[in-house]
Structures are given as C-alpha cells and as structure tokens.
C-alpha cells in the first residue's frame, strides 16, 4: 500500500524507543 512513509514498522519503533531510553 506504499505506506512506508506513514506507518512505522517494528524496527522503526525499536529504534525510536532506544534513542529515548539511552539518552541518559
């Protein structure tokens, strides 16, 4: 459906989560 710019995949979410959790 060519929604790659709208819907995050699991790897996108894990990447964002780790950036949040590892900043401290």
PDBML (XML) file of the C-alpha atoms, coordinates in Angstrom:
<?xml version="1.0" encoding="UTF-8" ?>
<PDBx:datablock datablockName="MODEL"
   xmlns:PDBx="http://pdbml.pdb.org/schema/pdbx-v50.xsd"
   xmlns:xsi="http://www.w3.org/2001/XMLSchema-instance"
   xsi:schemaLocation="http://pdbml.pdb.org/schema/pdbx-v50.xsd pdbx-v50.xsd">
   <PDBx:atom_siteCategory>
      <PDBx:atom_site id="1">
         <PDBx:B_iso_or_equiv>0.00</PDBx:B_iso_or_equiv>
         <PDBx:Cartn_x>0.000</PDBx:Cartn_x>
         <PDBx:Cartn_y>0.000</PDBx:Cartn_y>
         <PDBx:Cartn_z>0.000</PDBx:Cartn_z>
         <PDBx:auth_asym_id>A</PDBx:auth_asym_id>
         <PDBx:auth_atom_id>CA</PDBx:auth_atom_id>
         <PDBx:auth_comp_id>UNK</PDBx:auth_comp_id>
         <PDBx:auth_seq_id>1</PDBx:auth_seq_id>
         <PDBx:group_PDB>ATOM</PDBx:group_PDB>
         <PDBx:label_alt_id xsi:nil="true" />
         <PDBx:label_asym_id>A</PDBx:label_asym_id>
         <PDBx:label_atom_id>CA</PDBx:label_atom_id>
         <PDBx:label_comp_id>UNK</PDBx:label_comp_id>
         <PDBx:label_entity_id>1</PDBx:label_entity_id>
         <PDBx:label_seq_id>1</PDBx:label_seq_id>
         <PDBx:occupancy>1.00</PDBx:occupancy>
         <PDBx:pdbx_PDB_model_num>1</PDBx:pdbx_PDB_model_num>
         <PDBx:type_symbol>C</PDBx:type_symbol>
      </PDBx:atom_site>
      <PDBx:atom_site id="2">
         <PDBx:B_iso_or_equiv>0.00</PDBx:B_iso_or_equiv>
         <PDBx:Cartn_x>3.114</PDBx:Cartn_x>
         <PDBx:Cartn_y>2.192</PDBx:Cartn_y>
         <PDBx:Cartn_z>-0.146</PDBx:Cartn_z>
         <PDBx:auth_asym_id>A</PDBx:auth_asym_id>
         <PDBx:auth_atom_id>CA</PDBx:auth_atom_id>
         <PDBx:auth_comp_id>UNK</PDBx:auth_comp_id>
         <PDBx:auth_seq_id>2</PDBx:auth_seq_id>
         <PDBx:group_PDB>ATOM</PDBx:group_PDB>
         <PDBx:label_alt_id xsi:nil="true" />
         <PDBx:label_asym_id>A</PDBx:label_asym_id>
         <PDBx:label_atom_id>CA</PDBx:label_atom_id>
         <PDBx:label_comp_id>UNK</PDBx:label_comp_id>
         <PDBx:label_entity_id>1</PDBx:label_entity_id>
         <PDBx:label_seq_id>2</PDBx:label_seq_id>
         <PDBx:occupancy>1.00</PDBx:occupancy>
         <PDBx:pdbx_PDB_model_num>1</PDBx:pdbx_PDB_model_num>
         <PDBx:type_symbol>C</PDBx:type_symbol>
      </PDBx:atom_site>
      <PDBx:atom_site id="3">
         <PDBx:B_iso_or_equiv>0.00</PDBx:B_iso_or_equiv>
         <PDBx:Cartn_x>2.581</PDBx:Cartn_x>
         <PDBx:Cartn_y>3.363</PDBx:Cartn_y>
         <PDBx:Cartn_z>3.417</PDBx:Cartn_z>
         <PDBx:auth_asym_id>A</PDBx:auth_asym_id>
         <PDBx:auth_atom_id>CA</PDBx:auth_atom_id>
         <PDBx:auth_comp_id>UNK</PDBx:auth_comp_id>
         <PDBx:auth_seq_id>3</PDBx:auth_seq_id>
         <PDBx:group_PDB>ATOM</PDBx:group_PDB>
         <PDBx:label_alt_id xsi:nil="true" />
         <PDBx:label_asym_id>A</PDBx:label_asym_id>
         <PDBx:label_atom_id>CA</PDBx:label_atom_id>
         <PDBx:label_comp_id>UNK</PDBx:label_comp_id>
         <PDBx:label_entity_id>1</PDBx:label_entity_id>
         <PDBx:label_seq_id>3</PDBx:label_seq_id>
         <PDBx:occupancy>1.00</PDBx:occupancy>
         <PDBx:pdbx_PDB_model_num>1</PDBx:pdbx_PDB_model_num>
         <PDBx:type_symbol>C</PDBx:type_symbol>
      </PDBx:atom_site>
      <PDBx:atom_site id="4">
         <PDBx:B_iso_or_equiv>0.00</PDBx:B_iso_or_equiv>
         <PDBx:Cartn_x>6.218</PDBx:Cartn_x>
         <PDBx:Cartn_y>3.202</PDBx:Cartn_y>
         <PDBx:Cartn_z>4.438</PDBx:Cartn_z>
         <PDBx:auth_asym_id>A</PDBx:auth_asym_id>
         <PDBx:auth_atom_id>CA</PDBx:auth_atom_id>
         <PDBx:auth_comp_id>UNK</PDBx:auth_comp_id>
         <PDBx:auth_seq_id>4</PDBx:auth_seq_id>
         <PDBx:group_PDB>ATOM</PDBx:group_PDB>
         <PDBx:label_alt_id xsi:nil="true" />
         <PDBx:label_asym_id>A</PDBx:label_asym_id>
         <PDBx:label_atom_id>CA</PDBx:label_atom_id>
         <PDBx:label_comp_id>UNK</PDBx:label_comp_id>
         <PDBx:label_entity_id>1</PDBx:label_entity_id>
         <PDBx:label_seq_id>4</PDBx:label_seq_id>
         <PDBx:occupancy>1.00</PDBx:occupancy>
         <PDBx:pdbx_PDB_model_num>1</PDBx:pdbx_PDB_model_num>
         <PDBx:type_symbol>C</PDBx:type_symbol>
      </PDBx:atom_site>
      <PDBx:atom_site id="5">
         <PDBx:B_iso_or_equiv>0.00</PDBx:B_iso_or_equiv>
         <PDBx:Cartn_x>6.304</PDBx:Cartn_x>
         <PDBx:Cartn_y>6.965</PDBx:Cartn_y>
         <PDBx:Cartn_z>4.983</PDBx:Cartn_z>
         <PDBx:auth_asym_id>A</PDBx:auth_asym_id>
         <PDBx:auth_atom_id>CA</PDBx:auth_atom_id>
         <PDBx:auth_comp_id>UNK</PDBx:auth_comp_id>
         <PDBx:auth_seq_id>5</PDBx:auth_seq_id>
         <PDBx:group_PDB>ATOM</PDBx:group_PDB>
         <PDBx:label_alt_id xsi:nil="true" />
         <PDBx:label_asym_id>A</PDBx:label_asym_id>
         <PDBx:label_atom_id>CA</PDBx:label_atom_id>
         <PDBx:label_comp_id>UNK</PDBx:label_comp_id>
         <PDBx:label_entity_id>1</PDBx:label_entity_id>
         <PDBx:label_seq_id>5</PDBx:label_seq_id>
         <PDBx:occupancy>1.00</PDBx:occupancy>
         <PDBx:pdbx_PDB_model_num>1</PDBx:pdbx_PDB_model_num>
         <PDBx:type_symbol>C</PDBx:type_symbol>
      </PDBx:atom_site>
      <PDBx:atom_site id="6">
         <PDBx:B_iso_or_equiv>0.00</PDBx:B_iso_or_equiv>
         <PDBx:Cartn_x>3.226</PDBx:Cartn_x>
         <PDBx:Cartn_y>6.868</PDBx:Cartn_y>
         <PDBx:Cartn_z>7.234</PDBx:Cartn_z>
         <PDBx:auth_asym_id>A</PDBx:auth_asym_id>
         <PDBx:auth_atom_id>CA</PDBx:auth_atom_id>
         <PDBx:auth_comp_id>UNK</PDBx:auth_comp_id>
         <PDBx:auth_seq_id>6</PDBx:auth_seq_id>
         <PDBx:group_PDB>ATOM</PDBx:group_PDB>
         <PDBx:label_alt_id xsi:nil="true" />
         <PDBx:label_asym_id>A</PDBx:label_asym_id>
         <PDBx:label_atom_id>CA</PDBx:label_atom_id>
         <PDBx:label_comp_id>UNK</PDBx:label_comp_id>
         <PDBx:label_entity_id>1</PDBx:label_entity_id>
         <PDBx:label_seq_id>6</PDBx:label_seq_id>
         <PDBx:occupancy>1.00</PDBx:occupancy>
         <PDBx:pdbx_PDB_model_num>1</PDBx:pdbx_PDB_model_num>
         <PDBx:type_symbol>C</PDBx:type_symbol>
      </PDBx:atom_site>
      <PDBx:atom_site id="7">
         <PDBx:B_iso_or_equiv>0.00</PDBx:B_iso_or_equiv>
         <PDBx:Cartn_x>3.234</PDBx:Cartn_x>
         <PDBx:Cartn_y>3.589</PDBx:Cartn_y>
         <PDBx:Cartn_z>9.155</PDBx:Cartn_z>
         <PDBx:auth_asym_id>A</PDBx:auth_asym_id>
         <PDBx:auth_atom_id>CA</PDBx:auth_atom_id>
         <PDBx:auth_comp_id>UNK</PDBx:auth_comp_id>
         <PDBx:auth_seq_id>7</PDBx:auth_seq_id>
         <PDBx:group_PDB>ATOM</PDBx:group_PDB>
         <PDBx:label_alt_id xsi:nil="true" />
         <PDBx:label_asym_id>A</PDBx:label_asym_id>
         <PDBx:label_atom_id>CA</PDBx:label_atom_id>
         <PDBx:label_comp_id>UNK</PDBx:label_comp_id>
         <PDBx:label_entity_id>1</PDBx:label_entity_id>
         <PDBx:label_seq_id>7</PDBx:label_seq_id>
         <PDBx:occupancy>1.00</PDBx:occupancy>
         <PDBx:pdbx_PDB_model_num>1</PDBx:pdbx_PDB_model_num>
         <PDBx:type_symbol>C</PDBx:type_symbol>
      </PDBx:atom_site>
      <PDBx:atom_site id="8">
         <PDBx:B_iso_or_equiv>0.00</PDBx:B_iso_or_equiv>
         <PDBx:Cartn_x>6.287</PDBx:Cartn_x>
         <PDBx:Cartn_y>2.673</PDBx:Cartn_y>
         <PDBx:Cartn_z>11.245</PDBx:Cartn_z>
         <PDBx:auth_asym_id>A</PDBx:auth_asym_id>
         <PDBx:auth_atom_id>CA</PDBx:auth_atom_id>
         <PDBx:auth_comp_id>UNK</PDBx:auth_comp_id>
         <PDBx:auth_seq_id>8</PDBx:auth_seq_id>
         <PDBx:group_PDB>ATOM</PDBx:group_PDB>
         <PDBx:label_alt_id xsi:nil="true" />
         <PDBx:label_asym_id>A</PDBx:label_asym_id>
         <PDBx:label_atom_id>CA</PDBx:label_atom_id>
         <PDBx:label_comp_id>UNK</PDBx:label_comp_id>
         <PDBx:label_entity_id>1</PDBx:label_entity_id>
         <PDBx:label_seq_id>8</PDBx:label_seq_id>
         <PDBx:occupancy>1.00</PDBx:occupancy>
         <PDBx:pdbx_PDB_model_num>1</PDBx:pdbx_PDB_model_num>
         <PDBx:type_symbol>C</PDBx:type_symbol>
      </PDBx:atom_site>
      <PDBx:atom_site id="9">
         <PDBx:B_iso_or_equiv>0.00</PDBx:B_iso_or_equiv>
         <PDBx:Cartn_x>7.459</PDBx:Cartn_x>
         <PDBx:Cartn_y>-0.922</PDBx:Cartn_y>
         <PDBx:Cartn_z>11.190</PDBx:Cartn_z>
         <PDBx:auth_asym_id>A</PDBx:auth_asym_id>
         <PDBx:auth_atom_id>CA</PDBx:auth_atom_id>
         <PDBx:auth_comp_id>UNK</PDBx:auth_comp_id>
         <PDBx:auth_seq_id>9</PDBx:auth_seq_id>
         <PDBx:group_PDB>ATOM</PDBx:group_PDB>
         <PDBx:label_alt_id xsi:nil="true" />
         <PDBx:label_asym_id>A</PDBx:label_asym_id>
         <PDBx:label_atom_id>CA</PDBx:label_atom_id>
         <PDBx:label_comp_id>UNK</PDBx:label_comp_id>
         <PDBx:label_entity_id>1</PDBx:label_entity_id>
         <PDBx:label_seq_id>9</PDBx:label_seq_id>
         <PDBx:occupancy>1.00</PDBx:occupancy>
         <PDBx:pdbx_PDB_model_num>1</PDBx:pdbx_PDB_model_num>
         <PDBx:type_symbol>C</PDBx:type_symbol>
      </PDBx:atom_site>
      <PDBx:atom_site id="10">
         <PDBx:B_iso_or_equiv>0.00</PDBx:B_iso_or_equiv>
         <PDBx:Cartn_x>8.718</PDBx:Cartn_x>
         <PDBx:Cartn_y>-2.762</PDBx:Cartn_y>
         <PDBx:Cartn_z>14.262</PDBx:Cartn_z>
         <PDBx:auth_asym_id>A</PDBx:auth_asym_id>
         <PDBx:auth_atom_id>CA</PDBx:auth_atom_id>
         <PDBx:auth_comp_id>UNK</PDBx:auth_comp_id>
         <PDBx:auth_seq_id>10</PDBx:auth_seq_id>
         <PDBx:group_PDB>ATOM</PDBx:group_PDB>
         <PDBx:label_alt_id xsi:nil="true" />
         <PDBx:label_asym_id>A</PDBx:label_asym_id>
         <PDBx:label_atom_id>CA</PDBx:label_atom_id>
         <PDBx:label_comp_id>UNK</PDBx:label_comp_id>
         <PDBx:label_entity_id>1</PDBx:label_entity_id>
         <PDBx:label_seq_id>10</PDBx:label_seq_id>
         <PDBx:occupancy>1.00</PDBx:occupancy>
         <PDBx:pdbx_PDB_model_num>1</PDBx:pdbx_PDB_model_num>
         <PDBx:type_symbol>C</PDBx:type_symbol>
      </PDBx:atom_site>
      <PDBx:atom_site id="11">
         <PDBx:B_iso_or_equiv>0.00</PDBx:B_iso_or_equiv>
         <PDBx:Cartn_x>12.344</PDBx:Cartn_x>
         <PDBx:Cartn_y>-1.808</PDBx:Cartn_y>
         <PDBx:Cartn_z>13.618</PDBx:Cartn_z>
         <PDBx:auth_asym_id>A</PDBx:auth_asym_id>
         <PDBx:auth_atom_id>CA</PDBx:auth_atom_id>
         <PDBx:auth_comp_id>UNK</PDBx:auth_comp_id>
         <PDBx:auth_seq_id>11</PDBx:auth_seq_id>
         <PDBx:group_PDB>ATOM</PDBx:group_PDB>
         <PDBx:label_alt_id xsi:nil="true" />
         <PDBx:label_asym_id>A</PDBx:label_asym_id>
         <PDBx:label_atom_id>CA</PDBx:label_atom_id>
         <PDBx:label_comp_id>UNK</PDBx:label_comp_id>
         <PDBx:label_entity_id>1</PDBx:label_entity_id>
         <PDBx:label_seq_id>11</PDBx:label_seq_id>
         <PDBx:occupancy>1.00</PDBx:occupancy>
         <PDBx:pdbx_PDB_model_num>1</PDBx:pdbx_PDB_model_num>
         <PDBx:type_symbol>C</PDBx:type_symbol>
      </PDBx:atom_site>
      <PDBx:atom_site id="12">
         <PDBx:B_iso_or_equiv>0.00</PDBx:B_iso_or_equiv>
         <PDBx:Cartn_x>11.360</PDBx:Cartn_x>
         <PDBx:Cartn_y>1.877</PDBx:Cartn_y>
         <PDBx:Cartn_z>13.350</PDBx:Cartn_z>
         <PDBx:auth_asym_id>A</PDBx:auth_asym_id>
         <PDBx:auth_atom_id>CA</PDBx:auth_atom_id>
         <PDBx:auth_comp_id>UNK</PDBx:auth_comp_id>
         <PDBx:auth_seq_id>12</PDBx:auth_seq_id>
         <PDBx:group_PDB>ATOM</PDBx:group_PDB>
         <PDBx:label_alt_id xsi:nil="true" />
         <PDBx:label_asym_id>A</PDBx:label_asym_id>
         <PDBx:label_atom_id>CA</PDBx:label_atom_id>
         <PDBx:label_comp_id>UNK</PDBx:label_comp_id>
         <PDBx:label_entity_id>1</PDBx:label_entity_id>
         <PDBx:label_seq_id>12</PDBx:label_seq_id>
         <PDBx:occupancy>1.00</PDBx:occupancy>
         <PDBx:pdbx_PDB_model_num>1</PDBx:pdbx_PDB_model_num>
         <PDBx:type_symbol>C</PDBx:type_symbol>
      </PDBx:atom_site>
      <PDBx:atom_site id="13">
         <PDBx:B_iso_or_equiv>0.00</PDBx:B_iso_or_equiv>
         <PDBx:Cartn_x>9.647</PDBx:Cartn_x>
         <PDBx:Cartn_y>1.711</PDBx:Cartn_y>
         <PDBx:Cartn_z>16.726</PDBx:Cartn_z>
         <PDBx:auth_asym_id>A</PDBx:auth_asym_id>
         <PDBx:auth_atom_id>CA</PDBx:auth_atom_id>
         <PDBx:auth_comp_id>UNK</PDBx:auth_comp_id>
         <PDBx:auth_seq_id>13</PDBx:auth_seq_id>
         <PDBx:group_PDB>ATOM</PDBx:group_PDB>
         <PDBx:label_alt_id xsi:nil="true" />
         <PDBx:label_asym_id>A</PDBx:label_asym_id>
         <PDBx:label_atom_id>CA</PDBx:label_atom_id>
         <PDBx:label_comp_id>UNK</PDBx:label_comp_id>
         <PDBx:label_entity_id>1</PDBx:label_entity_id>
         <PDBx:label_seq_id>13</PDBx:label_seq_id>
         <PDBx:occupancy>1.00</PDBx:occupancy>
         <PDBx:pdbx_PDB_model_num>1</PDBx:pdbx_PDB_model_num>
         <PDBx:type_symbol>C</PDBx:type_symbol>
      </PDBx:atom_site>
      <PDBx:atom_site id="14">
         <PDBx:B_iso_or_equiv>0.00</PDBx:B_iso_or_equiv>
         <PDBx:Cartn_x>12.526</PDBx:Cartn_x>
         <PDBx:Cartn_y>-0.114</PDBx:Cartn_y>
         <PDBx:Cartn_z>18.429</PDBx:Cartn_z>
         <PDBx:auth_asym_id>A</PDBx:auth_asym_id>
         <PDBx:auth_atom_id>CA</PDBx:auth_atom_id>
         <PDBx:auth_comp_id>UNK</PDBx:auth_comp_id>
         <PDBx:auth_seq_id>14</PDBx:auth_seq_id>
         <PDBx:group_PDB>ATOM</PDBx:group_PDB>
         <PDBx:label_alt_id xsi:nil="true" />
         <PDBx:label_asym_id>A</PDBx:label_asym_id>
         <PDBx:label_atom_id>CA</PDBx:label_atom_id>
         <PDBx:label_comp_id>UNK</PDBx:label_comp_id>
         <PDBx:label_entity_id>1</PDBx:label_entity_id>
         <PDBx:label_seq_id>14</PDBx:label_seq_id>
         <PDBx:occupancy>1.00</PDBx:occupancy>
         <PDBx:pdbx_PDB_model_num>1</PDBx:pdbx_PDB_model_num>
         <PDBx:type_symbol>C</PDBx:type_symbol>
      </PDBx:atom_site>
      <PDBx:atom_site id="15">
         <PDBx:B_iso_or_equiv>0.00</PDBx:B_iso_or_equiv>
         <PDBx:Cartn_x>15.000</PDBx:Cartn_x>
         <PDBx:Cartn_y>2.398</PDBx:Cartn_y>
         <PDBx:Cartn_z>17.016</PDBx:Cartn_z>
         <PDBx:auth_asym_id>A</PDBx:auth_asym_id>
         <PDBx:auth_atom_id>CA</PDBx:auth_atom_id>
         <PDBx:auth_comp_id>UNK</PDBx:auth_comp_id>
         <PDBx:auth_seq_id>15</PDBx:auth_seq_id>
         <PDBx:group_PDB>ATOM</PDBx:group_PDB>
         <PDBx:label_alt_id xsi:nil="true" />
         <PDBx:label_asym_id>A</PDBx:label_asym_id>
         <PDBx:label_atom_id>CA</PDBx:label_atom_id>
         <PDBx:label_comp_id>UNK</PDBx:label_comp_id>
         <PDBx:label_entity_id>1</PDBx:label_entity_id>
         <PDBx:label_seq_id>15</PDBx:label_seq_id>
         <PDBx:occupancy>1.00</PDBx:occupancy>
         <PDBx:pdbx_PDB_model_num>1</PDBx:pdbx_PDB_model_num>
         <PDBx:type_symbol>C</PDBx:type_symbol>
      </PDBx:atom_site>
      <PDBx:atom_site id="16">
         <PDBx:B_iso_or_equiv>0.00</PDBx:B_iso_or_equiv>
         <PDBx:Cartn_x>12.962</PDBx:Cartn_x>
         <PDBx:Cartn_y>5.329</PDBx:Cartn_y>
         <PDBx:Cartn_z>18.350</PDBx:Cartn_z>
         <PDBx:auth_asym_id>A</PDBx:auth_asym_id>
         <PDBx:auth_atom_id>CA</PDBx:auth_atom_id>
         <PDBx:auth_comp_id>UNK</PDBx:auth_comp_id>
         <PDBx:auth_seq_id>16</PDBx:auth_seq_id>
         <PDBx:group_PDB>ATOM</PDBx:group_PDB>
         <PDBx:label_alt_id xsi:nil="true" />
         <PDBx:label_asym_id>A</PDBx:label_asym_id>
         <PDBx:label_atom_id>CA</PDBx:label_atom_id>
         <PDBx:label_comp_id>UNK</PDBx:label_comp_id>
         <PDBx:label_entity_id>1</PDBx:label_entity_id>
         <PDBx:label_seq_id>16</PDBx:label_seq_id>
         <PDBx:occupancy>1.00</PDBx:occupancy>
         <PDBx:pdbx_PDB_model_num>1</PDBx:pdbx_PDB_model_num>
         <PDBx:type_symbol>C</PDBx:type_symbol>
      </PDBx:atom_site>
      <PDBx:atom_site id="17">
         <PDBx:B_iso_or_equiv>0.00</PDBx:B_iso_or_equiv>
         <PDBx:Cartn_x>12.438</PDBx:Cartn_x>
         <PDBx:Cartn_y>3.656</PDBx:Cartn_y>
         <PDBx:Cartn_z>21.727</PDBx:Cartn_z>
         <PDBx:auth_asym_id>A</PDBx:auth_asym_id>
         <PDBx:auth_atom_id>CA</PDBx:auth_atom_id>
         <PDBx:auth_comp_id>UNK</PDBx:auth_comp_id>
         <PDBx:auth_seq_id>17</PDBx:auth_seq_id>
         <PDBx:group_PDB>ATOM</PDBx:group_PDB>
         <PDBx:label_alt_id xsi:nil="true" />
         <PDBx:label_asym_id>A</PDBx:label_asym_id>
         <PDBx:label_atom_id>CA</PDBx:label_atom_id>
         <PDBx:label_comp_id>UNK</PDBx:label_comp_id>
         <PDBx:label_entity_id>1</PDBx:label_entity_id>
         <PDBx:label_seq_id>17</PDBx:label_seq_id>
         <PDBx:occupancy>1.00</PDBx:occupancy>
         <PDBx:pdbx_PDB_model_num>1</PDBx:pdbx_PDB_model_num>
         <PDBx:type_symbol>C</PDBx:type_symbol>
      </PDBx:atom_site>
      <PDBx:atom_site id="18">
         <PDBx:B_iso_or_equiv>0.00</PDBx:B_iso_or_equiv>
         <PDBx:Cartn_x>16.142</PDBx:Cartn_x>
         <PDBx:Cartn_y>3.026</PDBx:Cartn_y>
         <PDBx:Cartn_z>22.226</PDBx:Cartn_z>
         <PDBx:auth_asym_id>A</PDBx:auth_asym_id>
         <PDBx:auth_atom_id>CA</PDBx:auth_atom_id>
         <PDBx:auth_comp_id>UNK</PDBx:auth_comp_id>
         <PDBx:auth_seq_id>18</PDBx:auth_seq_id>
         <PDBx:group_PDB>ATOM</PDBx:group_PDB>
         <PDBx:label_alt_id xsi:nil="true" />
         <PDBx:label_asym_id>A</PDBx:label_asym_id>
         <PDBx:label_atom_id>CA</PDBx:label_atom_id>
         <PDBx:label_comp_id>UNK</PDBx:label_comp_id>
         <PDBx:label_entity_id>1</PDBx:label_entity_id>
         <PDBx:label_seq_id>18</PDBx:label_seq_id>
         <PDBx:occupancy>1.00</PDBx:occupancy>
         <PDBx:pdbx_PDB_model_num>1</PDBx:pdbx_PDB_model_num>
         <PDBx:type_symbol>C</PDBx:type_symbol>
      </PDBx:atom_site>
      <PDBx:atom_site id="19">
         <PDBx:B_iso_or_equiv>0.00</PDBx:B_iso_or_equiv>
         <PDBx:Cartn_x>17.000</PDBx:Cartn_x>
         <PDBx:Cartn_y>6.606</PDBx:Cartn_y>
         <PDBx:Cartn_z>21.317</PDBx:Cartn_z>
         <PDBx:auth_asym_id>A</PDBx:auth_asym_id>
         <PDBx:auth_atom_id>CA</PDBx:auth_atom_id>
         <PDBx:auth_comp_id>UNK</PDBx:auth_comp_id>
         <PDBx:auth_seq_id>19</PDBx:auth_seq_id>
         <PDBx:group_PDB>ATOM</PDBx:group_PDB>
         <PDBx:label_alt_id xsi:nil="true" />
         <PDBx:label_asym_id>A</PDBx:label_asym_id>
         <PDBx:label_atom_id>CA</PDBx:label_atom_id>
         <PDBx:label_comp_id>UNK</PDBx:label_comp_id>
         <PDBx:label_entity_id>1</PDBx:label_entity_id>
         <PDBx:label_seq_id>19</PDBx:label_seq_id>
         <PDBx:occupancy>1.00</PDBx:occupancy>
         <PDBx:pdbx_PDB_model_num>1</PDBx:pdbx_PDB_model_num>
         <PDBx:type_symbol>C</PDBx:type_symbol>
      </PDBx:atom_site>
      <PDBx:atom_site id="20">
         <PDBx:B_iso_or_equiv>0.00</PDBx:B_iso_or_equiv>
         <PDBx:Cartn_x>14.593</PDBx:Cartn_x>
         <PDBx:Cartn_y>7.722</PDBx:Cartn_y>
         <PDBx:Cartn_z>24.021</PDBx:Cartn_z>
         <PDBx:auth_asym_id>A</PDBx:auth_asym_id>
         <PDBx:auth_atom_id>CA</PDBx:auth_atom_id>
         <PDBx:auth_comp_id>UNK</PDBx:auth_comp_id>
         <PDBx:auth_seq_id>20</PDBx:auth_seq_id>
         <PDBx:group_PDB>ATOM</PDBx:group_PDB>
         <PDBx:label_alt_id xsi:nil="true" />
         <PDBx:label_asym_id>A</PDBx:label_asym_id>
         <PDBx:label_atom_id>CA</PDBx:label_atom_id>
         <PDBx:label_comp_id>UNK</PDBx:label_comp_id>
         <PDBx:label_entity_id>1</PDBx:label_entity_id>
         <PDBx:label_seq_id>20</PDBx:label_seq_id>
         <PDBx:occupancy>1.00</PDBx:occupancy>
         <PDBx:pdbx_PDB_model_num>1</PDBx:pdbx_PDB_model_num>
         <PDBx:type_symbol>C</PDBx:type_symbol>
      </PDBx:atom_site>
      <PDBx:atom_site id="21">
         <PDBx:B_iso_or_equiv>0.00</PDBx:B_iso_or_equiv>
         <PDBx:Cartn_x>15.751</PDBx:Cartn_x>
         <PDBx:Cartn_y>5.270</PDBx:Cartn_y>
         <PDBx:Cartn_z>26.663</PDBx:Cartn_z>
         <PDBx:auth_asym_id>A</PDBx:auth_asym_id>
         <PDBx:auth_atom_id>CA</PDBx:auth_atom_id>
         <PDBx:auth_comp_id>UNK</PDBx:auth_comp_id>
         <PDBx:auth_seq_id>21</PDBx:auth_seq_id>
         <PDBx:group_PDB>ATOM</PDBx:group_PDB>
         <PDBx:label_alt_id xsi:nil="true" />
         <PDBx:label_asym_id>A</PDBx:label_asym_id>
         <PDBx:label_atom_id>CA</PDBx:label_atom_id>
         <PDBx:label_comp_id>UNK</PDBx:label_comp_id>
         <PDBx:label_entity_id>1</PDBx:label_entity_id>
         <PDBx:label_seq_id>21</PDBx:label_seq_id>
         <PDBx:occupancy>1.00</PDBx:occupancy>
         <PDBx:pdbx_PDB_model_num>1</PDBx:pdbx_PDB_model_num>
         <PDBx:type_symbol>C</PDBx:type_symbol>
      </PDBx:atom_site>
      <PDBx:atom_site id="22">
         <PDBx:B_iso_or_equiv>0.00</PDBx:B_iso_or_equiv>
         <PDBx:Cartn_x>19.506</PDBx:Cartn_x>
         <PDBx:Cartn_y>5.524</PDBx:Cartn_y>
         <PDBx:Cartn_z>26.116</PDBx:Cartn_z>
         <PDBx:auth_asym_id>A</PDBx:auth_asym_id>
         <PDBx:auth_atom_id>CA</PDBx:auth_atom_id>
         <PDBx:auth_comp_id>UNK</PDBx:auth_comp_id>
         <PDBx:auth_seq_id>22</PDBx:auth_seq_id>
         <PDBx:group_PDB>ATOM</PDBx:group_PDB>
         <PDBx:label_alt_id xsi:nil="true" />
         <PDBx:label_asym_id>A</PDBx:label_asym_id>
         <PDBx:label_atom_id>CA</PDBx:label_atom_id>
         <PDBx:label_comp_id>UNK</PDBx:label_comp_id>
         <PDBx:label_entity_id>1</PDBx:label_entity_id>
         <PDBx:label_seq_id>22</PDBx:label_seq_id>
         <PDBx:occupancy>1.00</PDBx:occupancy>
         <PDBx:pdbx_PDB_model_num>1</PDBx:pdbx_PDB_model_num>
         <PDBx:type_symbol>C</PDBx:type_symbol>
      </PDBx:atom_site>
      <PDBx:atom_site id="23">
         <PDBx:B_iso_or_equiv>0.00</PDBx:B_iso_or_equiv>
         <PDBx:Cartn_x>19.879</PDBx:Cartn_x>
         <PDBx:Cartn_y>9.307</PDBx:Cartn_y>
         <PDBx:Cartn_z>26.147</PDBx:Cartn_z>
         <PDBx:auth_asym_id>A</PDBx:auth_asym_id>
         <PDBx:auth_atom_id>CA</PDBx:auth_atom_id>
         <PDBx:auth_comp_id>UNK</PDBx:auth_comp_id>
         <PDBx:auth_seq_id>23</PDBx:auth_seq_id>
         <PDBx:group_PDB>ATOM</PDBx:group_PDB>
         <PDBx:label_alt_id xsi:nil="true" />
         <PDBx:label_asym_id>A</PDBx:label_asym_id>
         <PDBx:label_atom_id>CA</PDBx:label_atom_id>
         <PDBx:label_comp_id>UNK</PDBx:label_comp_id>
         <PDBx:label_entity_id>1</PDBx:label_entity_id>
         <PDBx:label_seq_id>23</PDBx:label_seq_id>
         <PDBx:occupancy>1.00</PDBx:occupancy>
         <PDBx:pdbx_PDB_model_num>1</PDBx:pdbx_PDB_model_num>
         <PDBx:type_symbol>C</PDBx:type_symbol>
      </PDBx:atom_site>
      <PDBx:atom_site id="24">
         <PDBx:B_iso_or_equiv>0.00</PDBx:B_iso_or_equiv>
         <PDBx:Cartn_x>20.690</PDBx:Cartn_x>
         <PDBx:Cartn_y>9.295</PDBx:Cartn_y>
         <PDBx:Cartn_z>29.879</PDBx:Cartn_z>
         <PDBx:auth_asym_id>A</PDBx:auth_asym_id>
         <PDBx:auth_atom_id>CA</PDBx:auth_atom_id>
         <PDBx:auth_comp_id>UNK</PDBx:auth_comp_id>
         <PDBx:auth_seq_id>24</PDBx:auth_seq_id>
         <PDBx:group_PDB>ATOM</PDBx:group_PDB>
         <PDBx:label_alt_id xsi:nil="true" />
         <PDBx:label_asym_id>A</PDBx:label_asym_id>
         <PDBx:label_atom_id>CA</PDBx:label_atom_id>
         <PDBx:label_comp_id>UNK</PDBx:label_comp_id>
         <PDBx:label_entity_id>1</PDBx:label_entity_id>
         <PDBx:label_seq_id>24</PDBx:label_seq_id>
         <PDBx:occupancy>1.00</PDBx:occupancy>
         <PDBx:pdbx_PDB_model_num>1</PDBx:pdbx_PDB_model_num>
         <PDBx:type_symbol>C</PDBx:type_symbol>
      </PDBx:atom_site>
   </PDBx:atom_siteCategory>
</PDBx:datablock>
